[in-house]
Amino acid sequence: MGILDRMSLKGKKIYVTGGAQGLGKSMATGLAEAGADLAIVDINAEKSQATAKEIADATGQKVIAVPTDVTDPDQVQKMVETVVKELGGLDAAFNNAGMCLNIPAEDMSYKDWLKVVNLNLNSVFLCSQAAGRYMLKNGGGSIVNTASMSAHIVNRPQPQCSYNATKNGVIQLSKSLAIEWAKKGVRVNTISPGYMGTDLTLSSPDLKPLIKTWNDWAPLGRLGRPDELQGMAVYLAGDTSSFSTGDDYLVDGAFTAW
């Protein structure tokens, strides 16, 4: 079997949380284009259904929407069961849902701190646990958790301590799971994007004014495109990454290299 055959995701069953928009949608599109059947998992039912239809129409793959609050353990377990039932299995899980609040630490309420921790870190544990339990019993699989270059640096000028802390936690959680499951067929890795030109970033009144500053500090002088994460997503979901586990893959245009 040649490299192109091994890069194909034909027959793979995958879910993507936070998959209705932004980086999740872009990665989901790339996974479907590589041949995978997908579940778009998002708290927004309307957007998840629209995205599922859009990707299915564009790729010809089976793509379903599974609206889920990924911070709720019962909903997460039901989501995995639904994915397995509707798609016929689960080969890879992309736990991507997340948020960032740019609030100075001295002004951040405990409620806002918990909001970020629950979505960015607790949900990654819940989804990894539920997906992992299935994979451990059914021949293994690949879990990919979205971290961030913010796990490696402190961003500036915007304050985002809760985001940075949770993304660092995602990497250490993923490494821990990778070690626990290394000999049981379940691989766990993280993708750490840099500044990416998502629709949200490009239109946000708070973030848009910062783009020039970020670009001035960036070795490549620009934001990443969401589609520039697709190759890494396809690699980690498929068989060519069989020796990759417990690893963090920075896709940041060398932003953290200086």
C-alpha atoms as a PDB file:
ATOM      1  CA  MET A   1       0.000   0.000   0.000  1.00  0.00           C
ATOM      2  CA  GLY A   2       1.483   3.327  -1.081  1.00  0.00           C
ATOM      3  CA  ILE A   3       1.600   6.583   0.821  1.00  0.00           C
ATOM      4  CA  LEU A   4      -1.403   8.071  -0.991  1.00  0.00           C
ATOM      5  CA  ASP A   5      -3.504   5.044  -0.050  1.00  0.00           C
ATOM      6  CA  ARG A   6      -2.395   5.337   3.566  1.00  0.00           C
ATOM      7  CA  MET A   7      -3.221   9.052   3.596  1.00  0.00           C
ATOM      8  CA  SER A   8      -6.784   8.316   2.522  1.00  0.00           C
ATOM      9  CA  LEU A   9      -9.441   8.392   5.221  1.00  0.00           C
ATOM     10  CA  LYS A  10     -11.890   6.319   3.216  1.00  0.00           C
ATOM     11  CA  GLY A  11     -13.998   4.264   5.610  1.00  0.00           C
ATOM     12  CA  LYS A  12     -12.973   6.270   8.685  1.00  0.00           C
ATOM     13  CA  LYS A  13     -15.691   7.504  11.058  1.00  0.00           C
ATOM     14  CA  ILE A  14     -14.843  10.783  12.775  1.00  0.00           C
ATOM     15  CA  TYR A  15     -16.505  13.468  14.885  1.00  0.00           C
ATOM     16  CA  VAL A  16     -15.417  17.090  15.283  1.00  0.00           C
ATOM     17  CA  THR A  17     -16.597  19.178  18.222  1.00  0.00           C
ATOM     18  CA  GLY A  18     -17.008  22.882  17.594  1.00  0.00           C
ATOM     19  CA  GLY A  19     -17.326  21.723  14.017  1.00  0.00           C
ATOM     20  CA  ALA A  20     -20.053  24.093  12.858  1.00  0.00           C
ATOM     21  CA  GLN A  21     -17.740  27.020  12.189  1.00  0.00           C
ATOM     22  CA  GLY A  22     -14.190  28.321  12.306  1.00  0.00           C
ATOM     23  CA  LEU A  23     -11.241  25.956  12.605  1.00  0.00           C
ATOM     24  CA  GLY A  24     -13.511  23.012  13.417  1.00  0.00           C
ATOM     25  CA  LYS A  25     -15.452  23.452  10.207  1.00  0.00           C
ATOM     26  CA  SER A  26     -12.267  23.768   8.181  1.00  0.00           C
ATOM     27  CA  MET A  27     -10.735  20.626   9.672  1.00  0.00           C
ATOM     28  CA  ALA A  28     -14.012  18.747   9.215  1.00  0.00           C
ATOM     29  CA  THR A  29     -14.085  19.762   5.557  1.00  0.00           C
ATOM     30  CA  GLY A  30     -10.555  18.488   5.025  1.00  0.00           C
ATOM     31  CA  LEU A  31     -11.344  15.199   6.760  1.00  0.00           C
ATOM     32  CA  ALA A  32     -14.400  14.665   4.543  1.00  0.00           C
ATOM     33  CA  GLU A  33     -12.436  15.586   1.407  1.00  0.00           C
ATOM     34  CA  ALA A  34      -9.966  12.854   2.403  1.00  0.00           C
ATOM     35  CA  GLY A  35     -12.813  10.326   2.489  1.00  0.00           C
ATOM     36  CA  ALA A  36     -14.074  10.247   6.065  1.00  0.00           C
ATOM     37  CA  ASP A  37     -17.689  10.103   7.186  1.00  0.00           C
ATOM     38  CA  LEU A  38     -18.303  12.769   9.796  1.00  0.00           C
ATOM     39  CA  ALA A  39     -20.355  13.978  12.703  1.00  0.00           C
ATOM     40  CA  ILE A  40     -20.471  17.733  13.225  1.00  0.00           C
ATOM     41  CA  VAL A  41     -20.804  18.222  16.977  1.00  0.00           C
ATOM     42  CA  ASP A  42     -21.747  21.698  18.145  1.00  0.00           C
ATOM     43  CA  ILE A  43     -23.999  23.316  20.729  1.00  0.00           C
ATOM     44  CA  ASN A  44     -25.648  25.337  17.951  1.00  0.00           C
ATOM     45  CA  ALA A  45     -28.103  22.908  16.352  1.00  0.00           C
ATOM     46  CA  GLU A  46     -28.964  25.125  13.404  1.00  0.00           C
ATOM     47  CA  LYS A  47     -25.345  25.828  12.456  1.00  0.00           C
ATOM     48  CA  SER A  48     -24.274  22.212  12.927  1.00  0.00           C
ATOM     49  CA  GLN A  49     -27.028  20.990  10.616  1.00  0.00           C
ATOM     50  CA  ALA A  50     -26.211  23.632   7.996  1.00  0.00           C
ATOM     51  CA  THR A  51     -22.498  22.788   8.106  1.00  0.00           C
ATOM     52  CA  ALA A  52     -23.180  19.059   7.902  1.00  0.00           C
ATOM     53  CA  LYS A  53     -25.313  19.566   4.807  1.00  0.00           C
ATOM     54  CA  GLU A  54     -22.762  21.898   3.225  1.00  0.00           C
ATOM     55  CA  ILE A  55     -19.876  19.451   3.675  1.00  0.00           C
ATOM     56  CA  ALA A  56     -21.955  16.453   2.601  1.00  0.00           C
ATOM     57  CA  ASP A  57     -23.076  18.227  -0.565  1.00  0.00           C
ATOM     58  CA  ALA A  58     -19.521  19.308  -1.388  1.00  0.00           C
ATOM     59  CA  THR A  59     -17.790  15.977  -0.746  1.00  0.00           C
ATOM     60  CA  GLY A  60     -20.379  13.246  -1.176  1.00  0.00           C
ATOM     61  CA  GLN A  61     -19.516  11.826   2.235  1.00  0.00           C
ATOM     62  CA  LYS A  62     -22.008  10.939   4.943  1.00  0.00           C
ATOM     63  CA  VAL A  63     -22.055  13.885   7.347  1.00  0.00           C
ATOM     64  CA  ILE A  64     -24.473  14.134  10.251  1.00  0.00           C
ATOM     65  CA  ALA A  65     -25.130  16.827  12.852  1.00  0.00           C
ATOM     66  CA  VAL A  66     -25.120  15.894  16.534  1.00  0.00           C
ATOM     67  CA  PRO A  67     -26.019  19.008  18.585  1.00  0.00           C
ATOM     68  CA  THR A  68     -24.304  18.633  21.964  1.00  0.00           C
ATOM     69  CA  ASP A  69     -23.264  20.629  25.004  1.00  0.00           C
ATOM     70  CA  VAL A  70     -19.800  19.111  25.388  1.00  0.00           C
ATOM     71  CA  THR A  71     -19.522  20.360  28.992  1.00  0.00           C
ATOM     72  CA  ASP A  72     -22.348  18.006  30.016  1.00  0.00           C
ATOM     73  CA  PRO A  73     -21.117  14.428  30.747  1.00  0.00           C
ATOM     74  CA  ASP A  74     -24.452  12.807  29.895  1.00  0.00           C
ATOM     75  CA  GLN A  75     -24.742  14.652  26.581  1.00  0.00           C
ATOM     76  CA  VAL A  76     -21.151  13.745  25.685  1.00  0.00           C
ATOM     77  CA  GLN A  77     -21.770  10.053  26.311  1.00  0.00           C
ATOM     78  CA  LYS A  78     -24.972  10.193  24.281  1.00  0.00           C
ATOM     79  CA  MET A  79     -23.102  11.994  21.491  1.00  0.00           C
ATOM     80  CA  VAL A  80     -20.509   9.240  21.183  1.00  0.00           C
ATOM     81  CA  GLU A  81     -23.237   6.589  21.202  1.00  0.00           C
ATOM     82  CA  THR A  82     -25.116   8.481  18.470  1.00  0.00           C
ATOM     83  CA  VAL A  83     -21.994   8.837  16.323  1.00  0.00           C
ATOM     84  CA  VAL A  84     -21.234   5.130  16.627  1.00  0.00           C
ATOM     85  CA  LYS A  85     -24.806   4.179  15.811  1.00  0.00           C
ATOM     86  CA  GLU A  86     -25.308   6.576  12.885  1.00  0.00           C
ATOM     87  CA  LEU A  87     -21.857   6.301  11.295  1.00  0.00           C
ATOM     88  CA  GLY A  88     -21.146   2.686  12.189  1.00  0.00           C
ATOM     89  CA  GLY A  89     -18.149   3.262  14.432  1.00  0.00           C
ATOM     90  CA  LEU A  90     -15.623   5.810  15.656  1.00  0.00           C
ATOM     91  CA  ASP A  91     -12.048   5.850  14.372  1.00  0.00           C
ATOM     92  CA  ALA A  92     -10.969   9.379  15.242  1.00  0.00           C
ATOM     93  CA  ALA A  93     -12.230  12.080  17.585  1.00  0.00           C
ATOM     94  CA  PHE A  94     -11.412  15.763  17.183  1.00  0.00           C
ATOM     95  CA  ASN A  95     -12.097  17.654  20.394  1.00  0.00           C
ATOM     96  CA  ASN A  96     -11.913  21.202  19.153  1.00  0.00           C
ATOM     97  CA  ALA A  97     -14.633  23.251  20.879  1.00  0.00           C
ATOM     98  CA  GLY A  98     -13.232  26.212  22.751  1.00  0.00           C
ATOM     99  CA  MET A  99     -13.501  29.895  23.611  1.00  0.00           C
ATOM    100  CA  CYS A 100     -11.369  32.841  24.668  1.00  0.00           C
ATOM    101  CA  LEU A 101     -12.259  35.748  26.939  1.00  0.00           C
ATOM    102  CA  ASN A 102      -9.887  38.707  26.752  1.00  0.00           C
ATOM    103  CA  ILE A 103     -10.356  39.973  30.307  1.00  0.00           C
ATOM    104  CA  PRO A 104      -7.565  41.239  32.598  1.00  0.00           C
ATOM    105  CA  ALA A 105      -6.929  38.761  35.399  1.00  0.00           C
ATOM    106  CA  GLU A 106      -7.766  41.275  38.122  1.00  0.00           C
ATOM    107  CA  ASP A 107     -11.164  41.924  36.530  1.00  0.00           C
ATOM    108  CA  MET A 108     -12.118  38.348  35.646  1.00  0.00           C
ATOM    109  CA  SER A 109     -15.076  36.949  37.567  1.00  0.00           C
ATOM    110  CA  TYR A 110     -14.941  33.397  38.830  1.00  0.00           C
ATOM    111  CA  LYS A 111     -17.968  32.680  36.643  1.00  0.00           C
ATOM    112  CA  ASP A 112     -16.063  33.734  33.527  1.00  0.00           C
ATOM    113  CA  TRP A 113     -12.994  31.758  34.618  1.00  0.00           C
ATOM    114  CA  LEU A 114     -15.089  28.614  35.017  1.00  0.00           C
ATOM    115  CA  LYS A 115     -16.813  29.199  31.678  1.00  0.00           C
ATOM    116  CA  VAL A 116     -13.471  29.013  29.872  1.00  0.00           C
ATOM    117  CA  VAL A 117     -12.170  26.105  31.968  1.00  0.00           C
ATOM    118  CA  ASN A 118     -15.348  24.084  31.415  1.00  0.00           C
ATOM    119  CA  LEU A 119     -15.341  24.441  27.642  1.00  0.00           C
ATOM    120  CA  ASN A 120     -11.619  24.451  26.897  1.00  0.00           C
ATOM    121  CA  LEU A 121     -10.398  21.800  29.330  1.00  0.00           C
ATOM    122  CA  ASN A 122     -13.189  19.906  31.072  1.00  0.00           C
ATOM    123  CA  SER A 123     -14.978  19.185  27.801  1.00  0.00           C
ATOM    124  CA  VAL A 124     -11.759  17.840  26.293  1.00  0.00           C
ATOM    125  CA  PHE A 125     -11.465  15.396  29.168  1.00  0.00           C
ATOM    126  CA  LEU A 126     -15.124  14.349  28.912  1.00  0.00           C
ATOM    127  CA  CYS A 127     -14.961  13.820  25.145  1.00  0.00           C
ATOM    128  CA  SER A 128     -11.576  12.085  25.264  1.00  0.00           C
ATOM    129  CA  GLN A 129     -12.825   9.817  28.022  1.00  0.00           C
ATOM    130  CA  ALA A 130     -16.035   8.868  26.209  1.00  0.00           C
ATOM    131  CA  ALA A 131     -14.312   8.379  22.849  1.00  0.00           C
ATOM    132  CA  GLY A 132     -11.431   6.557  24.509  1.00  0.00           C
ATOM    133  CA  ARG A 133     -13.721   4.101  26.275  1.00  0.00           C
ATOM    134  CA  TYR A 134     -15.260   3.143  22.944  1.00  0.00           C
ATOM    135  CA  MET A 135     -11.909   2.911  21.152  1.00  0.00           C
ATOM    136  CA  LEU A 136     -10.307   0.825  23.905  1.00  0.00           C
ATOM    137  CA  LYS A 137     -13.033  -1.778  23.449  1.00  0.00           C
ATOM    138  CA  ASN A 138     -13.139  -1.655  19.662  1.00  0.00           C
ATOM    139  CA  GLY A 139      -9.642  -1.901  18.263  1.00  0.00           C
ATOM    140  CA  GLY A 140      -8.201   1.534  18.994  1.00  0.00           C
ATOM    141  CA  GLY A 141      -8.326   4.905  17.341  1.00  0.00           C
ATOM    142  CA  SER A 142      -6.940   8.427  17.245  1.00  0.00           C
ATOM    143  CA  ILE A 143      -7.925  11.321  19.497  1.00  0.00           C
ATOM    144  CA  VAL A 144      -6.870  14.813  18.468  1.00  0.00           C
ATOM    145  CA  ASN A 145      -7.353  17.707  20.859  1.00  0.00           C
ATOM    146  CA  THR A 146      -7.059  21.346  19.823  1.00  0.00           C
ATOM    147  CA  ALA A 147      -4.599  23.215  22.025  1.00  0.00           C
ATOM    148  CA  SER A 148      -2.940  26.461  20.928  1.00  0.00           C
ATOM    149  CA  MET A 149       0.379  28.223  20.580  1.00  0.00           C
ATOM    150  CA  SER A 150      -0.960  30.045  23.665  1.00  0.00           C
ATOM    151  CA  ALA A 151       0.026  26.927  25.618  1.00  0.00           C
ATOM    152  CA  HIS A 152       3.642  27.808  24.828  1.00  0.00           C
ATOM    153  CA  ILE A 153       3.685  31.614  25.051  1.00  0.00           C
ATOM    154  CA  VAL A 154       1.794  34.461  26.695  1.00  0.00           C
ATOM    155  CA  ASN A 155      -0.037  36.363  23.987  1.00  0.00           C
ATOM    156  CA  ARG A 156       0.155  40.119  23.739  1.00  0.00           C
ATOM    157  CA  PRO A 157      -1.240  42.703  23.860  1.00  0.00           C
ATOM    158  CA  GLN A 158      -4.570  41.061  24.722  1.00  0.00           C
ATOM    159  CA  PRO A 159      -5.023  39.578  28.251  1.00  0.00           C
ATOM    160  CA  GLN A 160      -6.227  35.960  28.182  1.00  0.00           C
ATOM    161  CA  CYS A 161      -4.899  34.096  31.225  1.00  0.00           C
ATOM    162  CA  SER A 162      -7.780  31.599  31.374  1.00  0.00           C
ATOM    163  CA  TYR A 163      -7.345  30.634  27.718  1.00  0.00           C
ATOM    164  CA  ASN A 164      -3.579  30.218  28.032  1.00  0.00           C
ATOM    165  CA  ALA A 165      -3.889  28.104  31.174  1.00  0.00           C
ATOM    166  CA  THR A 166      -6.543  25.797  29.742  1.00  0.00           C
ATOM    167  CA  LYS A 167      -4.699  25.238  26.466  1.00  0.00           C
ATOM    168  CA  ASN A 168      -1.564  24.279  28.375  1.00  0.00           C
ATOM    169  CA  GLY A 169      -3.753  21.904  30.352  1.00  0.00           C
ATOM    170  CA  VAL A 170      -5.068  20.344  27.134  1.00  0.00           C
ATOM    171  CA  ILE A 171      -1.524  19.431  26.102  1.00  0.00           C
ATOM    172  CA  GLN A 172      -0.619  17.877  29.447  1.00  0.00           C
ATOM    173  CA  LEU A 173      -3.948  16.026  29.635  1.00  0.00           C
ATOM    174  CA  SER A 174      -3.407  14.655  26.143  1.00  0.00           C
ATOM    175  CA  LYS A 175       0.135  13.511  26.935  1.00  0.00           C
ATOM    176  CA  SER A 176      -1.155  11.781  30.069  1.00  0.00           C
ATOM    177  CA  LEU A 177      -3.881   9.962  28.152  1.00  0.00           C
ATOM    178  CA  ALA A 178      -1.398   9.027  25.431  1.00  0.00           C
ATOM    179  CA  ILE A 179       0.841   7.338  28.002  1.00  0.00           C
ATOM    180  CA  GLU A 180      -2.051   5.508  29.670  1.00  0.00           C
ATOM    181  CA  TRP A 181      -3.376   4.182  26.370  1.00  0.00           C
ATOM    182  CA  ALA A 182      -0.138   3.795  24.377  1.00  0.00           C
ATOM    183  CA  LYS A 183      -0.139   0.000  24.463  1.00  0.00           C
ATOM    184  CA  LYS A 184      -3.913  -0.260  24.090  1.00  0.00           C
ATOM    185  CA  GLY A 185      -4.228   1.082  20.548  1.00  0.00           C
ATOM    186  CA  VAL A 186      -5.485   4.587  21.289  1.00  0.00           C
ATOM    187  CA  ARG A 187      -3.300   7.494  20.212  1.00  0.00           C
ATOM    188  CA  VAL A 188      -3.753  10.999  21.624  1.00  0.00           C
ATOM    189  CA  ASN A 189      -2.160  14.120  20.130  1.00  0.00           C
ATOM    190  CA  THR A 190      -2.711  17.865  20.087  1.00  0.00           C
ATOM    191  CA  ILE A 191      -2.727  20.485  17.351  1.00  0.00           C
ATOM    192  CA  SER A 192      -1.603  23.962  18.452  1.00  0.00           C
ATOM    193  CA  PRO A 193      -2.652  26.602  15.921  1.00  0.00           C
ATOM    194  CA  GLY A 194      -1.223  30.091  15.861  1.00  0.00           C
ATOM    195  CA  TYR A 195      -3.187  33.176  14.923  1.00  0.00           C
ATOM    196  CA  MET A 196      -5.658  32.031  12.273  1.00  0.00           C
ATOM    197  CA  GLY A 197      -7.825  34.142   9.992  1.00  0.00           C
ATOM    198  CA  THR A 198     -11.201  32.698  10.919  1.00  0.00           C
ATOM    199  CA  ASP A 199     -14.365  34.617  10.097  1.00  0.00           C
ATOM    200  CA  LEU A 200     -14.739  35.405  13.801  1.00  0.00           C
ATOM    201  CA  THR A 201     -11.252  36.873  14.101  1.00  0.00           C
ATOM    202  CA  LEU A 202     -11.527  38.863  10.887  1.00  0.00           C
ATOM    203  CA  SER A 203     -14.877  40.391  11.894  1.00  0.00           C
ATOM    204  CA  SER A 204     -14.491  40.800  15.658  1.00  0.00           C
ATOM    205  CA  PRO A 205     -14.449  44.482  16.716  1.00  0.00           C
ATOM    206  CA  ASP A 206     -12.119  43.531  19.578  1.00  0.00           C
ATOM    207  CA  LEU A 207      -9.684  41.351  17.623  1.00  0.00           C
ATOM    208  CA  LYS A 208      -9.634  42.970  14.183  1.00  0.00           C
ATOM    209  CA  PRO A 209      -7.624  46.002  15.401  1.00  0.00           C
ATOM    210  CA  LEU A 210      -4.936  43.615  16.740  1.00  0.00           C
ATOM    211  CA  ILE A 211      -4.291  41.824  13.445  1.00  0.00           C
ATOM    212  CA  LYS A 212      -1.710  44.338  12.187  1.00  0.00           C
ATOM    213  CA  THR A 213       0.215  44.037  15.468  1.00  0.00           C
ATOM    214  CA  TRP A 214       0.183  40.246  15.298  1.00  0.00           C
ATOM    215  CA  ASN A 215       1.299  40.307  11.674  1.00  0.00           C
ATOM    216  CA  ASP A 216       4.136  42.713  12.470  1.00  0.00           C
ATOM    217  CA  TRP A 217       5.430  40.202  15.037  1.00  0.00           C
ATOM    218  CA  ALA A 218       4.906  37.131  12.837  1.00  0.00           C
ATOM    219  CA  PRO A 219       7.845  35.678  10.865  1.00  0.00           C
ATOM    220  CA  LEU A 220       5.557  35.077   7.878  1.00  0.00           C
ATOM    221  CA  GLY A 221       3.879  38.439   8.319  1.00  0.00           C
ATOM    222  CA  ARG A 222       0.335  37.102   8.133  1.00  0.00           C
ATOM    223  CA  LEU A 223      -2.390  35.099   9.821  1.00  0.00           C
ATOM    224  CA  GLY A 224      -2.738  31.441   9.013  1.00  0.00           C
ATOM    225  CA  ARG A 225      -5.595  30.296   6.827  1.00  0.00           C
ATOM    226  CA  PRO A 226      -8.010  27.813   8.437  1.00  0.00           C
ATOM    227  CA  ASP A 227      -7.413  25.390   5.547  1.00  0.00           C
ATOM    228  CA  GLU A 228      -3.723  25.264   6.502  1.00  0.00           C
ATOM    229  CA  LEU A 229      -4.699  23.028   9.435  1.00  0.00           C
ATOM    230  CA  GLN A 230      -6.344  20.448   7.189  1.00  0.00           C
ATOM    231  CA  GLY A 231      -3.183  18.551   6.288  1.00  0.00           C
ATOM    232  CA  MET A 232      -2.248  18.065   9.934  1.00  0.00           C
ATOM    233  CA  ALA A 233      -5.794  16.981  10.771  1.00  0.00           C
ATOM    234  CA  VAL A 234      -5.806  14.383   7.982  1.00  0.00           C
ATOM    235  CA  TYR A 235      -2.370  13.128   9.025  1.00  0.00           C
ATOM    236  CA  LEU A 236      -3.323  12.644  12.677  1.00  0.00           C
ATOM    237  CA  ALA A 237      -6.658  11.004  11.841  1.00  0.00           C
ATOM    238  CA  GLY A 238      -5.141   8.449   9.515  1.00  0.00           C
ATOM    239  CA  ASP A 239      -2.789   5.491   9.474  1.00  0.00           C
ATOM    240  CA  THR A 240       0.335   7.411   8.454  1.00  0.00           C
ATOM    241  CA  SER A 241       0.552   8.844  11.988  1.00  0.00           C
ATOM    242  CA  SER A 242       0.640   5.407  13.643  1.00  0.00           C
ATOM    243  CA  PHE A 243       3.891   6.256  15.508  1.00  0.00           C
ATOM    244  CA  SER A 244       2.608   9.655  16.672  1.00  0.00           C
ATOM    245  CA  THR A 245       1.150   9.816  20.149  1.00  0.00           C
ATOM    246  CA  GLY A 246       1.651  12.175  23.059  1.00  0.00           C
ATOM    247  CA  ASP A 247       2.857  14.824  20.615  1.00  0.00           C
ATOM    248  CA  ASP A 248       1.927  18.476  20.175  1.00  0.00           C
ATOM    249  CA  TYR A 249       1.972  19.837  16.628  1.00  0.00           C
ATOM    250  CA  LEU A 250       2.474  23.585  16.386  1.00  0.00           C
ATOM    251  CA  VAL A 251       1.019  25.114  13.229  1.00  0.00           C
ATOM    252  CA  ASP A 252       1.841  28.759  13.890  1.00  0.00           C
ATOM    253  CA  GLY A 253       4.008  30.034  11.029  1.00  0.00           C
ATOM    254  CA  ALA A 254       7.033  30.037  13.404  1.00  0.00           C
ATOM    255  CA  PHE A 255       5.372  32.623  15.665  1.00  0.00           C
ATOM    256  CA  THR A 256       6.689  30.841  18.775  1.00  0.00           C
ATOM    257  CA  ALA A 257      10.158  30.297  17.301  1.00  0.00           C
ATOM    258  CA  TRP A 258      11.409  33.704  18.428  1.00  0.00           C
END
